[in-house]
Amino acid sequence: MKNVNILAIGAHPDDIEFGCGGSLVKYSQRGHRLYLLVMTGGGLGAPAETRRAEQLASRQILGAAEIFWGGYPDTHLGLDVEMIRKIEKVIGTVKPEFIFCSFPDDTHQDHRHLAQAVMSATRYIRNVLFYEGPTTQNFNPQVYVDISETLERKLEALRAHQSQVMKTNIENLSIIEMALSFANFRGSQGRVRFAEAFCALRLFINI
């Protein structure tokens, strides 16, 4: 497979790492070029300056070439023409072969609205995969990626978001433990040790 550009889109800092960090590290290790688009600064979880710095640290661990910022306040993503155009502009710059984004059925409005905007903005993109997060609902994946060899890097990238590690709203459960549980469960479904799972909006299998 020739080297391609990959774009991962998240509503907040750390969404991408939880949902598809292990897969992104695999792409990076194989010479593909990664780009991140983070729509908000996550300012309700911690000061936005802190969260931006954490995202920059995580970017180094993932091996991403660049981060694009949407510039929206936390919890203020609305499904409108402005957001769709912002996403389209980044897509035009990156020219990705694959796009990863949060799943549309989610209890967090930012995740829902982002996914809906991405569905419009990616109408001419061949490969679009939705990842899951802690607040995703009704997620029935069709695509699995074995992340057994990159799980530790995924968890390291999540640890870079130090302000968020214990903010799961579940007593005494860290985001690291949650990500490990997800990887173990999806791995058992895919018959490997650890996996990330995706629902495909579109996926071309070239023969």
N, C-alpha and C. Protein backbone atom coordinates (compact mmCIF):
# COMPACT_ATOMS: atom_id res chain seq x y z
N MET A 1 0.84 -1.19 0.00
CA MET A 1 0.00 0.00 0.00
C MET A 1 0.88 1.25 0.00
N LYS A 2 0.60 2.16 -0.93
CA LYS A 2 1.39 3.39 -0.97
C LYS A 2 1.08 4.24 0.27
N ASN A 3 2.02 5.12 0.63
CA ASN A 3 1.80 5.99 1.78
C ASN A 3 0.68 6.98 1.48
N VAL A 4 -0.21 7.15 2.45
CA VAL A 4 -1.37 8.01 2.27
C VAL A 4 -1.49 8.96 3.45
N ASN A 5 -2.37 9.94 3.31
CA ASN A 5 -2.67 10.88 4.39
C ASN A 5 -3.89 10.40 5.16
N ILE A 6 -3.81 10.49 6.48
CA ILE A 6 -4.88 10.07 7.38
C ILE A 6 -5.31 11.29 8.18
N LEU A 7 -6.61 11.52 8.29
CA LEU A 7 -7.14 12.62 9.10
C LEU A 7 -8.04 12.06 10.19
N ALA A 8 -7.71 12.35 11.44
CA ALA A 8 -8.55 11.96 12.58
C ALA A 8 -9.17 13.22 13.16
N ILE A 9 -10.48 13.18 13.38
CA ILE A 9 -11.22 14.35 13.83
C ILE A 9 -11.86 14.06 15.18
N GLY A 10 -11.68 14.97 16.14
CA GLY A 10 -12.28 14.82 17.45
C GLY A 10 -12.92 16.11 17.92
N ALA A 11 -13.92 16.00 18.75
CA ALA A 11 -14.57 17.19 19.29
C ALA A 11 -13.70 17.86 20.34
N HIS A 12 -12.98 17.05 21.14
CA HIS A 12 -12.19 17.57 22.25
C HIS A 12 -10.80 16.93 22.26
N PRO A 13 -9.82 17.58 22.89
CA PRO A 13 -8.55 16.92 23.12
C PRO A 13 -8.78 15.60 23.87
N ASP A 14 -8.15 14.56 23.45
CA ASP A 14 -8.15 13.18 23.95
C ASP A 14 -9.23 12.28 23.34
N ASP A 15 -10.21 12.84 22.61
CA ASP A 15 -11.21 12.00 21.95
C ASP A 15 -10.57 11.07 20.93
N ILE A 16 -9.67 11.61 20.13
CA ILE A 16 -9.03 10.85 19.07
C ILE A 16 -8.20 9.71 19.65
N GLU A 17 -7.43 10.03 20.70
CA GLU A 17 -6.55 9.03 21.30
C GLU A 17 -7.35 7.84 21.81
N PHE A 18 -8.47 8.12 22.49
CA PHE A 18 -9.30 7.04 23.03
C PHE A 18 -9.90 6.21 21.90
N GLY A 19 -10.41 6.87 20.89
CA GLY A 19 -11.15 6.16 19.85
C GLY A 19 -10.31 5.41 18.85
N CYS A 20 -9.17 6.00 18.44
CA CYS A 20 -8.41 5.36 17.35
C CYS A 20 -6.90 5.55 17.50
N GLY A 21 -6.43 5.84 18.70
CA GLY A 21 -5.00 6.10 18.90
C GLY A 21 -4.10 4.95 18.50
N GLY A 22 -4.50 3.73 18.81
CA GLY A 22 -3.68 2.57 18.46
C GLY A 22 -3.57 2.38 16.96
N SER A 23 -4.67 2.60 16.26
CA SER A 23 -4.66 2.49 14.80
C SER A 23 -3.80 3.58 14.17
N LEU A 24 -3.90 4.80 14.71
CA LEU A 24 -3.10 5.91 14.17
C LEU A 24 -1.62 5.66 14.34
N VAL A 25 -1.22 5.11 15.48
CA VAL A 25 0.20 4.79 15.69
C VAL A 25 0.67 3.76 14.66
N LYS A 26 -0.17 2.77 14.36
CA LYS A 26 0.19 1.78 13.34
C LYS A 26 0.39 2.44 11.98
N TYR A 27 -0.51 3.34 11.62
CA TYR A 27 -0.35 4.08 10.36
C TYR A 27 0.98 4.84 10.36
N SER A 28 1.25 5.54 11.45
CA SER A 28 2.47 6.34 11.54
C SER A 28 3.71 5.47 11.42
N GLN A 29 3.71 4.33 12.10
CA GLN A 29 4.87 3.44 12.07
C GLN A 29 5.12 2.86 10.68
N ARG A 30 4.09 2.82 9.87
CA ARG A 30 4.22 2.28 8.51
C ARG A 30 4.45 3.36 7.46
N GLY A 31 4.72 4.57 7.91
CA GLY A 31 5.13 5.63 6.99
C GLY A 31 4.02 6.50 6.46
N HIS A 32 2.78 6.29 6.91
CA HIS A 32 1.68 7.14 6.48
C HIS A 32 1.69 8.44 7.28
N ARG A 33 1.08 9.47 6.73
CA ARG A 33 1.16 10.80 7.33
C ARG A 33 -0.15 11.12 8.05
N LEU A 34 -0.04 11.44 9.35
CA LEU A 34 -1.21 11.67 10.19
C LEU A 34 -1.46 13.16 10.40
N TYR A 35 -2.74 13.51 10.41
CA TYR A 35 -3.17 14.87 10.75
C TYR A 35 -4.34 14.76 11.72
N LEU A 36 -4.40 15.70 12.66
CA LEU A 36 -5.46 15.75 13.65
C LEU A 36 -6.25 17.04 13.50
N LEU A 37 -7.55 16.95 13.61
CA LEU A 37 -8.42 18.12 13.68
C LEU A 37 -9.20 18.04 14.98
N VAL A 38 -8.95 18.98 15.89
CA VAL A 38 -9.61 19.02 17.19
C VAL A 38 -10.48 20.27 17.22
N MET A 39 -11.78 20.07 17.36
CA MET A 39 -12.73 21.16 17.14
C MET A 39 -12.82 22.15 18.28
N THR A 40 -12.60 21.72 19.53
CA THR A 40 -12.67 22.62 20.68
C THR A 40 -11.39 22.54 21.49
N GLY A 41 -11.23 23.51 22.39
CA GLY A 41 -10.10 23.47 23.30
C GLY A 41 -10.38 22.68 24.56
N GLY A 42 -11.60 22.15 24.71
CA GLY A 42 -11.92 21.35 25.89
C GLY A 42 -11.90 22.13 27.18
N GLY A 43 -12.26 23.41 27.12
CA GLY A 43 -12.08 24.29 28.27
C GLY A 43 -12.94 24.01 29.48
N LEU A 44 -13.97 23.19 29.35
CA LEU A 44 -14.76 22.85 30.54
C LEU A 44 -14.11 21.75 31.38
N GLY A 45 -13.22 20.98 30.76
CA GLY A 45 -12.54 19.91 31.50
C GLY A 45 -11.32 20.39 32.25
N ALA A 46 -10.71 21.46 31.78
CA ALA A 46 -9.52 22.09 32.37
C ALA A 46 -9.28 23.33 31.53
N PRO A 47 -8.42 24.25 31.98
CA PRO A 47 -8.14 25.43 31.16
C PRO A 47 -7.73 25.03 29.74
N ALA A 48 -8.27 25.76 28.76
CA ALA A 48 -8.02 25.41 27.37
C ALA A 48 -6.53 25.40 27.04
N GLU A 49 -5.75 26.30 27.68
CA GLU A 49 -4.31 26.34 27.43
C GLU A 49 -3.66 25.02 27.87
N THR A 50 -4.13 24.49 29.00
CA THR A 50 -3.61 23.21 29.50
C THR A 50 -3.93 22.09 28.54
N ARG A 51 -5.16 22.08 28.08
CA ARG A 51 -5.59 20.98 27.22
C ARG A 51 -4.93 21.05 25.84
N ARG A 52 -4.69 22.25 25.34
CA ARG A 52 -3.97 22.38 24.08
C ARG A 52 -2.54 21.86 24.23
N ALA A 53 -1.89 22.19 25.35
CA ALA A 53 -0.53 21.72 25.60
C ALA A 53 -0.50 20.20 25.70
N GLU A 54 -1.50 19.62 26.36
CA GLU A 54 -1.57 18.17 26.46
C GLU A 54 -1.77 17.53 25.09
N GLN A 55 -2.59 18.16 24.25
CA GLN A 55 -2.80 17.63 22.91
C GLN A 55 -1.53 17.70 22.07
N LEU A 56 -0.76 18.76 22.24
CA LEU A 56 0.51 18.88 21.52
C LEU A 56 1.49 17.79 21.96
N ALA A 57 1.51 17.47 23.26
CA ALA A 57 2.37 16.40 23.75
C ALA A 57 1.93 15.05 23.20
N SER A 58 0.62 14.84 23.16
CA SER A 58 0.09 13.58 22.63
C SER A 58 0.39 13.43 21.14
N ARG A 59 0.33 14.53 20.43
CA ARG A 59 0.63 14.50 18.99
C ARG A 59 2.01 13.89 18.72
N GLN A 60 2.98 14.24 19.55
CA GLN A 60 4.33 13.70 19.38
C GLN A 60 4.34 12.19 19.57
N ILE A 61 3.56 11.71 20.53
CA ILE A 61 3.51 10.27 20.81
C ILE A 61 2.84 9.52 19.67
N LEU A 62 1.77 10.09 19.15
CA LEU A 62 1.06 9.46 18.03
C LEU A 62 1.88 9.49 16.74
N GLY A 63 2.73 10.50 16.61
CA GLY A 63 3.50 10.67 15.38
C GLY A 63 2.77 11.47 14.33
N ALA A 64 1.84 12.34 14.77
CA ALA A 64 1.08 13.15 13.82
C ALA A 64 1.91 14.32 13.31
N ALA A 65 1.70 14.68 12.06
CA ALA A 65 2.47 15.76 11.43
C ALA A 65 1.98 17.13 11.87
N GLU A 66 0.67 17.27 12.10
CA GLU A 66 0.11 18.60 12.37
C GLU A 66 -1.23 18.46 13.07
N ILE A 67 -1.56 19.46 13.90
CA ILE A 67 -2.88 19.57 14.50
C ILE A 67 -3.58 20.80 13.94
N PHE A 68 -4.79 20.63 13.48
CA PHE A 68 -5.66 21.75 13.12
C PHE A 68 -6.66 21.94 14.26
N TRP A 69 -6.99 23.20 14.55
CA TRP A 69 -7.92 23.51 15.64
C TRP A 69 -9.18 24.15 15.06
N GLY A 70 -10.33 23.67 15.53
CA GLY A 70 -11.60 24.22 15.05
C GLY A 70 -11.92 25.58 15.65
N GLY A 71 -11.43 25.82 16.88
CA GLY A 71 -11.61 27.12 17.51
C GLY A 71 -12.93 27.31 18.23
N TYR A 72 -13.69 26.25 18.44
CA TYR A 72 -14.98 26.37 19.12
C TYR A 72 -14.81 26.23 20.64
N PRO A 73 -15.67 26.88 21.43
CA PRO A 73 -15.70 26.61 22.87
C PRO A 73 -16.25 25.20 23.14
N ASP A 74 -15.82 24.62 24.22
CA ASP A 74 -16.31 23.31 24.64
C ASP A 74 -17.84 23.34 24.79
N THR A 75 -18.50 22.31 24.31
CA THR A 75 -19.97 22.10 24.32
C THR A 75 -20.72 23.02 23.36
N HIS A 76 -20.02 23.74 22.49
CA HIS A 76 -20.68 24.69 21.58
C HIS A 76 -20.60 24.28 20.11
N LEU A 77 -20.39 23.01 19.84
CA LEU A 77 -20.42 22.58 18.45
C LEU A 77 -21.88 22.47 18.01
N GLY A 78 -22.22 23.20 16.97
CA GLY A 78 -23.57 23.14 16.42
C GLY A 78 -23.52 22.64 14.99
N LEU A 79 -24.54 21.93 14.59
CA LEU A 79 -24.58 21.42 13.23
C LEU A 79 -25.02 22.54 12.30
N ASP A 80 -24.03 23.21 11.68
CA ASP A 80 -24.34 24.33 10.81
C ASP A 80 -23.35 24.39 9.66
N VAL A 81 -23.62 25.29 8.74
CA VAL A 81 -22.79 25.41 7.55
C VAL A 81 -21.36 25.81 7.90
N GLU A 82 -21.20 26.65 8.91
CA GLU A 82 -19.86 27.11 9.28
C GLU A 82 -18.97 25.94 9.68
N MET A 83 -19.47 25.04 10.52
CA MET A 83 -18.64 23.92 10.95
C MET A 83 -18.35 22.98 9.78
N ILE A 84 -19.34 22.72 8.96
CA ILE A 84 -19.11 21.85 7.80
C ILE A 84 -18.03 22.44 6.90
N ARG A 85 -18.07 23.74 6.69
CA ARG A 85 -17.06 24.38 5.84
C ARG A 85 -15.67 24.34 6.46
N LYS A 86 -15.59 24.50 7.78
CA LYS A 86 -14.28 24.40 8.45
C LYS A 86 -13.67 23.02 8.24
N ILE A 87 -14.50 21.99 8.38
CA ILE A 87 -14.02 20.62 8.19
C ILE A 87 -13.63 20.41 6.73
N GLU A 88 -14.44 20.90 5.81
CA GLU A 88 -14.12 20.77 4.38
C GLU A 88 -12.80 21.45 4.04
N LYS A 89 -12.53 22.59 4.68
CA LYS A 89 -11.27 23.30 4.40
C LYS A 89 -10.07 22.46 4.82
N VAL A 90 -10.15 21.84 5.98
CA VAL A 90 -9.05 20.98 6.43
C VAL A 90 -8.91 19.77 5.52
N ILE A 91 -10.03 19.19 5.12
CA ILE A 91 -9.99 18.06 4.19
C ILE A 91 -9.32 18.47 2.87
N GLY A 92 -9.63 19.68 2.40
CA GLY A 92 -9.01 20.17 1.18
C GLY A 92 -7.51 20.35 1.31
N THR A 93 -7.06 20.72 2.50
CA THR A 93 -5.63 20.89 2.76
C THR A 93 -4.91 19.56 2.88
N VAL A 94 -5.50 18.64 3.63
CA VAL A 94 -4.85 17.36 3.94
C VAL A 94 -4.98 16.36 2.79
N LYS A 95 -6.13 16.38 2.10
CA LYS A 95 -6.42 15.40 1.05
C LYS A 95 -6.26 13.96 1.58
N PRO A 96 -7.04 13.61 2.61
CA PRO A 96 -6.87 12.30 3.24
C PRO A 96 -7.47 11.15 2.44
N GLU A 97 -6.85 10.00 2.57
CA GLU A 97 -7.40 8.77 2.01
C GLU A 97 -8.37 8.13 3.00
N PHE A 98 -8.10 8.30 4.31
CA PHE A 98 -8.96 7.79 5.37
C PHE A 98 -9.28 8.92 6.35
N ILE A 99 -10.53 8.94 6.82
CA ILE A 99 -10.94 9.88 7.87
C ILE A 99 -11.56 9.08 9.01
N PHE A 100 -11.16 9.42 10.23
CA PHE A 100 -11.73 8.83 11.44
C PHE A 100 -12.45 9.92 12.23
N CYS A 101 -13.63 9.60 12.76
CA CYS A 101 -14.41 10.58 13.52
C CYS A 101 -15.26 9.86 14.55
N SER A 102 -15.72 10.60 15.56
CA SER A 102 -16.60 10.04 16.58
C SER A 102 -17.92 9.57 15.98
N PHE A 103 -18.55 8.61 16.64
CA PHE A 103 -19.78 7.97 16.17
C PHE A 103 -20.99 8.88 16.40
N PRO A 104 -21.96 8.89 15.47
CA PRO A 104 -23.09 9.83 15.59
C PRO A 104 -23.99 9.60 16.81
N ASP A 105 -24.15 8.36 17.26
CA ASP A 105 -25.05 8.09 18.39
C ASP A 105 -24.24 8.19 19.68
N ASP A 106 -24.38 9.32 20.36
CA ASP A 106 -23.55 9.61 21.52
C ASP A 106 -24.33 10.54 22.46
N THR A 107 -24.14 10.37 23.76
CA THR A 107 -24.86 11.21 24.72
C THR A 107 -24.28 12.60 24.84
N HIS A 108 -23.08 12.84 24.29
CA HIS A 108 -22.49 14.18 24.31
C HIS A 108 -22.83 14.90 23.00
N GLN A 109 -23.44 16.06 23.14
CA GLN A 109 -23.91 16.77 21.95
C GLN A 109 -22.78 17.16 21.01
N ASP A 110 -21.61 17.48 21.52
CA ASP A 110 -20.48 17.83 20.65
C ASP A 110 -20.13 16.66 19.73
N HIS A 111 -20.13 15.45 20.28
CA HIS A 111 -19.79 14.27 19.47
C HIS A 111 -20.86 14.02 18.40
N ARG A 112 -22.12 14.15 18.79
CA ARG A 112 -23.20 13.94 17.82
C ARG A 112 -23.13 14.95 16.68
N HIS A 113 -23.02 16.23 17.05
CA HIS A 113 -23.04 17.27 16.03
C HIS A 113 -21.81 17.19 15.12
N LEU A 114 -20.67 16.86 15.71
CA LEU A 114 -19.46 16.72 14.89
C LEU A 114 -19.64 15.59 13.87
N ALA A 115 -20.13 14.45 14.32
CA ALA A 115 -20.29 13.32 13.41
C ALA A 115 -21.24 13.66 12.27
N GLN A 116 -22.32 14.37 12.58
CA GLN A 116 -23.27 14.75 11.54
C GLN A 116 -22.66 15.73 10.54
N ALA A 117 -21.86 16.67 11.05
CA ALA A 117 -21.17 17.61 10.16
C ALA A 117 -20.16 16.88 9.27
N VAL A 118 -19.45 15.92 9.86
CA VAL A 118 -18.46 15.16 9.11
C VAL A 118 -19.13 14.34 8.00
N MET A 119 -20.31 13.81 8.26
CA MET A 119 -21.03 13.06 7.23
C MET A 119 -21.29 13.93 6.00
N SER A 120 -21.58 15.20 6.21
CA SER A 120 -21.78 16.12 5.09
C SER A 120 -20.46 16.51 4.44
N ALA A 121 -19.47 16.83 5.28
CA ALA A 121 -18.19 17.32 4.77
C ALA A 121 -17.40 16.25 4.03
N THR A 122 -17.68 14.98 4.31
CA THR A 122 -16.91 13.89 3.69
C THR A 122 -17.69 13.18 2.59
N ARG A 123 -18.67 13.83 2.02
CA ARG A 123 -19.53 13.14 1.05
C ARG A 123 -18.76 12.70 -0.20
N TYR A 124 -17.57 13.25 -0.44
CA TYR A 124 -16.77 12.83 -1.58
C TYR A 124 -15.51 12.06 -1.16
N ILE A 125 -15.43 11.69 0.12
CA ILE A 125 -14.27 10.94 0.63
C ILE A 125 -14.59 9.45 0.60
N ARG A 126 -13.64 8.66 0.12
CA ARG A 126 -13.90 7.24 -0.10
C ARG A 126 -14.00 6.44 1.20
N ASN A 127 -13.15 6.73 2.17
CA ASN A 127 -13.07 5.91 3.38
C ASN A 127 -13.31 6.76 4.63
N VAL A 128 -14.44 6.52 5.30
CA VAL A 128 -14.78 7.26 6.51
C VAL A 128 -15.21 6.25 7.58
N LEU A 129 -14.51 6.25 8.70
CA LEU A 129 -14.77 5.31 9.79
C LEU A 129 -15.10 6.07 11.06
N PHE A 130 -16.11 5.60 11.79
CA PHE A 130 -16.48 6.17 13.07
C PHE A 130 -15.89 5.35 14.21
N TYR A 131 -15.28 6.03 15.17
CA TYR A 131 -14.74 5.35 16.36
C TYR A 131 -15.67 5.55 17.55
N GLU A 132 -15.46 4.76 18.59
CA GLU A 132 -16.28 4.85 19.79
C GLU A 132 -15.54 5.58 20.91
N GLY A 133 -16.31 6.10 21.86
CA GLY A 133 -15.76 6.73 23.04
C GLY A 133 -16.55 6.33 24.26
N PRO A 134 -16.19 6.86 25.42
CA PRO A 134 -16.87 6.46 26.65
C PRO A 134 -18.36 6.77 26.67
N THR A 135 -18.83 7.74 25.88
CA THR A 135 -20.25 8.11 25.90
C THR A 135 -21.00 7.66 24.65
N THR A 136 -20.38 6.80 23.83
CA THR A 136 -21.01 6.28 22.63
C THR A 136 -22.13 5.30 22.99
N GLN A 137 -23.18 5.30 22.17
CA GLN A 137 -24.30 4.37 22.35
C GLN A 137 -24.52 3.55 21.08
N ASN A 138 -25.07 2.35 21.26
CA ASN A 138 -25.54 1.53 20.14
C ASN A 138 -24.49 1.36 19.04
N PHE A 139 -23.29 1.03 19.47
CA PHE A 139 -22.15 0.90 18.56
C PHE A 139 -21.97 -0.56 18.18
N ASN A 140 -22.22 -0.89 16.92
CA ASN A 140 -22.11 -2.26 16.42
C ASN A 140 -21.09 -2.29 15.29
N PRO A 141 -19.82 -2.47 15.62
CA PRO A 141 -18.75 -2.31 14.63
C PRO A 141 -18.71 -3.42 13.59
N GLN A 142 -18.18 -3.04 12.41
CA GLN A 142 -17.94 -4.02 11.35
C GLN A 142 -16.46 -4.15 11.02
N VAL A 143 -15.65 -3.21 11.52
CA VAL A 143 -14.23 -3.16 11.17
C VAL A 143 -13.41 -3.20 12.45
N TYR A 144 -12.36 -4.03 12.47
CA TYR A 144 -11.50 -4.15 13.64
C TYR A 144 -10.05 -3.97 13.22
N VAL A 145 -9.28 -3.33 14.09
CA VAL A 145 -7.84 -3.18 13.88
C VAL A 145 -7.12 -3.76 15.09
N ASP A 146 -6.22 -4.69 14.85
CA ASP A 146 -5.42 -5.29 15.92
C ASP A 146 -4.41 -4.25 16.41
N ILE A 147 -4.54 -3.83 17.67
CA ILE A 147 -3.62 -2.83 18.22
C ILE A 147 -2.73 -3.43 19.32
N SER A 148 -2.58 -4.75 19.31
CA SER A 148 -1.78 -5.40 20.35
C SER A 148 -0.37 -4.82 20.43
N GLU A 149 0.21 -4.49 19.27
CA GLU A 149 1.58 -3.98 19.25
C GLU A 149 1.66 -2.48 19.53
N THR A 150 0.54 -1.79 19.49
CA THR A 150 0.57 -0.33 19.69
C THR A 150 -0.26 0.13 20.88
N LEU A 151 -0.80 -0.81 21.65
CA LEU A 151 -1.64 -0.44 22.80
C LEU A 151 -0.90 0.46 23.78
N GLU A 152 0.35 0.14 24.08
CA GLU A 152 1.08 0.93 25.07
C GLU A 152 1.28 2.37 24.60
N ARG A 153 1.52 2.55 23.30
CA ARG A 153 1.65 3.92 22.78
C ARG A 153 0.31 4.66 22.86
N LYS A 154 -0.79 3.96 22.60
CA LYS A 154 -2.11 4.55 22.74
C LYS A 154 -2.32 5.03 24.16
N LEU A 155 -2.01 4.17 25.14
CA LEU A 155 -2.20 4.54 26.54
C LEU A 155 -1.25 5.67 26.94
N GLU A 156 -0.04 5.67 26.39
CA GLU A 156 0.90 6.76 26.66
C GLU A 156 0.34 8.09 26.13
N ALA A 157 -0.27 8.05 24.95
CA ALA A 157 -0.88 9.26 24.38
C ALA A 157 -2.03 9.75 25.26
N LEU A 158 -2.82 8.82 25.80
CA LEU A 158 -3.90 9.22 26.71
C LEU A 158 -3.34 9.81 28.00
N ARG A 159 -2.25 9.24 28.51
CA ARG A 159 -1.65 9.77 29.74
C ARG A 159 -1.13 11.19 29.55
N ALA A 160 -0.81 11.55 28.31
CA ALA A 160 -0.34 12.92 28.05
C ALA A 160 -1.43 13.93 28.39
N HIS A 161 -2.69 13.49 28.37
CA HIS A 161 -3.81 14.36 28.76
C HIS A 161 -4.01 14.23 30.27
N GLN A 162 -3.01 14.69 31.02
CA GLN A 162 -2.97 14.43 32.46
C GLN A 162 -4.18 14.98 33.20
N SER A 163 -4.70 16.11 32.74
CA SER A 163 -5.83 16.74 33.44
C SER A 163 -7.11 15.92 33.33
N GLN A 164 -7.13 14.96 32.41
CA GLN A 164 -8.37 14.22 32.14
C GLN A 164 -8.35 12.76 32.60
N VAL A 165 -7.21 12.30 33.09
CA VAL A 165 -7.05 10.87 33.35
C VAL A 165 -8.10 10.33 34.32
N MET A 166 -8.47 11.09 35.34
CA MET A 166 -9.44 10.60 36.33
C MET A 166 -10.84 11.19 36.12
N LYS A 167 -11.07 11.84 35.00
CA LYS A 167 -12.37 12.49 34.77
C LYS A 167 -13.29 11.61 33.91
N THR A 168 -13.60 10.43 34.43
CA THR A 168 -14.49 9.51 33.72
C THR A 168 -15.91 9.56 34.28
N ASN A 169 -16.11 10.27 35.37
CA ASN A 169 -17.40 10.28 36.08
C ASN A 169 -17.78 8.90 36.62
N ILE A 170 -16.79 8.03 36.74
CA ILE A 170 -16.98 6.72 37.38
C ILE A 170 -15.96 6.63 38.51
N GLU A 171 -16.42 6.41 39.70
CA GLU A 171 -15.54 6.48 40.87
C GLU A 171 -14.37 5.51 40.76
N ASN A 172 -13.17 6.06 40.97
CA ASN A 172 -11.92 5.29 41.01
C ASN A 172 -11.58 4.57 39.69
N LEU A 173 -12.16 5.02 38.59
CA LEU A 173 -11.84 4.43 37.29
C LEU A 173 -11.17 5.49 36.42
N SER A 174 -9.96 5.20 35.96
CA SER A 174 -9.24 6.15 35.11
C SER A 174 -9.57 5.91 33.65
N ILE A 175 -9.28 6.91 32.84
CA ILE A 175 -9.50 6.78 31.40
C ILE A 175 -8.57 5.70 30.82
N ILE A 176 -7.42 5.49 31.46
CA ILE A 176 -6.48 4.45 31.02
C ILE A 176 -7.11 3.08 31.21
N GLU A 177 -7.70 2.86 32.39
CA GLU A 177 -8.35 1.57 32.66
C GLU A 177 -9.54 1.35 31.72
N MET A 178 -10.27 2.41 31.46
CA MET A 178 -11.41 2.29 30.56
C MET A 178 -10.96 1.94 29.14
N ALA A 179 -9.92 2.61 28.65
CA ALA A 179 -9.41 2.34 27.31
C ALA A 179 -8.89 0.91 27.21
N LEU A 180 -8.25 0.44 28.26
CA LEU A 180 -7.74 -0.94 28.27
C LEU A 180 -8.90 -1.94 28.22
N SER A 181 -9.98 -1.65 28.96
CA SER A 181 -11.15 -2.52 28.94
C SER A 181 -11.79 -2.57 27.56
N PHE A 182 -11.92 -1.41 26.93
CA PHE A 182 -12.48 -1.36 25.58
C PHE A 182 -11.62 -2.18 24.62
N ALA A 183 -10.30 -1.99 24.70
CA ALA A 183 -9.39 -2.69 23.78
C ALA A 183 -9.46 -4.20 23.98
N ASN A 184 -9.60 -4.61 25.23
CA ASN A 184 -9.69 -6.04 25.53
C ASN A 184 -11.00 -6.63 25.01
N PHE A 185 -12.10 -5.89 25.21
CA PHE A 185 -13.41 -6.36 24.76
C PHE A 185 -13.47 -6.43 23.23
N ARG A 186 -13.04 -5.37 22.57
CA ARG A 186 -13.08 -5.38 21.10
C ARG A 186 -12.10 -6.41 20.54
N GLY A 187 -10.99 -6.62 21.24
CA GLY A 187 -10.07 -7.66 20.82
C GLY A 187 -10.70 -9.03 20.88
N SER A 188 -11.44 -9.31 21.96
CA SER A 188 -12.09 -10.62 22.08
C SER A 188 -13.13 -10.81 20.97
N GLN A 189 -13.82 -9.72 20.58
CA GLN A 189 -14.76 -9.82 19.47
C GLN A 189 -14.04 -10.12 18.16
N GLY A 190 -12.88 -9.51 17.97
CA GLY A 190 -12.13 -9.68 16.73
C GLY A 190 -11.16 -10.84 16.76
N ARG A 191 -11.14 -11.59 17.88
CA ARG A 191 -10.28 -12.76 18.05
C ARG A 191 -8.79 -12.43 18.06
N VAL A 192 -8.48 -11.28 18.67
CA VAL A 192 -7.08 -10.93 18.93
C VAL A 192 -7.01 -10.45 20.38
N ARG A 193 -5.81 -10.13 20.85
CA ARG A 193 -5.66 -9.72 22.25
C ARG A 193 -6.28 -8.34 22.50
N PHE A 194 -5.91 -7.36 21.68
CA PHE A 194 -6.42 -6.00 21.85
C PHE A 194 -6.78 -5.42 20.48
N ALA A 195 -7.90 -4.71 20.43
CA ALA A 195 -8.33 -4.14 19.14
C ALA A 195 -9.05 -2.82 19.36
N GLU A 196 -9.11 -2.03 18.29
CA GLU A 196 -10.03 -0.91 18.17
C GLU A 196 -11.06 -1.30 17.13
N ALA A 197 -12.29 -0.82 17.33
CA ALA A 197 -13.38 -1.20 16.44
C ALA A 197 -14.00 0.05 15.82
N PHE A 198 -14.55 -0.10 14.63
CA PHE A 198 -15.08 1.03 13.88
C PHE A 198 -16.36 0.65 13.15
N CYS A 199 -17.22 1.64 13.01
CA CYS A 199 -18.37 1.52 12.12
C CYS A 199 -18.06 2.32 10.85
N ALA A 200 -18.31 1.72 9.72
CA ALA A 200 -17.94 2.35 8.45
C ALA A 200 -19.12 3.14 7.88
N LEU A 201 -18.87 4.42 7.61
CA LEU A 201 -19.79 5.18 6.76
C LEU A 201 -19.59 4.75 5.32
N ARG A 202 -18.31 4.65 4.91
CA ARG A 202 -17.89 4.08 3.64
C ARG A 202 -16.53 3.45 3.83
N LEU A 203 -16.31 2.32 3.19
CA LEU A 203 -15.00 1.68 3.23
C LEU A 203 -14.79 0.94 1.93
N PHE A 204 -13.81 1.37 1.15
CA PHE A 204 -13.47 0.71 -0.10
C PHE A 204 -12.39 -0.32 0.13
N ILE A 205 -12.63 -1.52 -0.35
CA ILE A 205 -11.63 -2.58 -0.30
C ILE A 205 -11.13 -2.77 -1.73
N ASN A 206 -9.91 -2.33 -2.00
CA ASN A 206 -9.38 -2.37 -3.35
C ASN A 206 -8.75 -3.72 -3.63
N ILE A 207 -9.16 -4.35 -4.70
CA ILE A 207 -8.67 -5.68 -5.07
C ILE A 207 -7.87 -5.58 -6.36
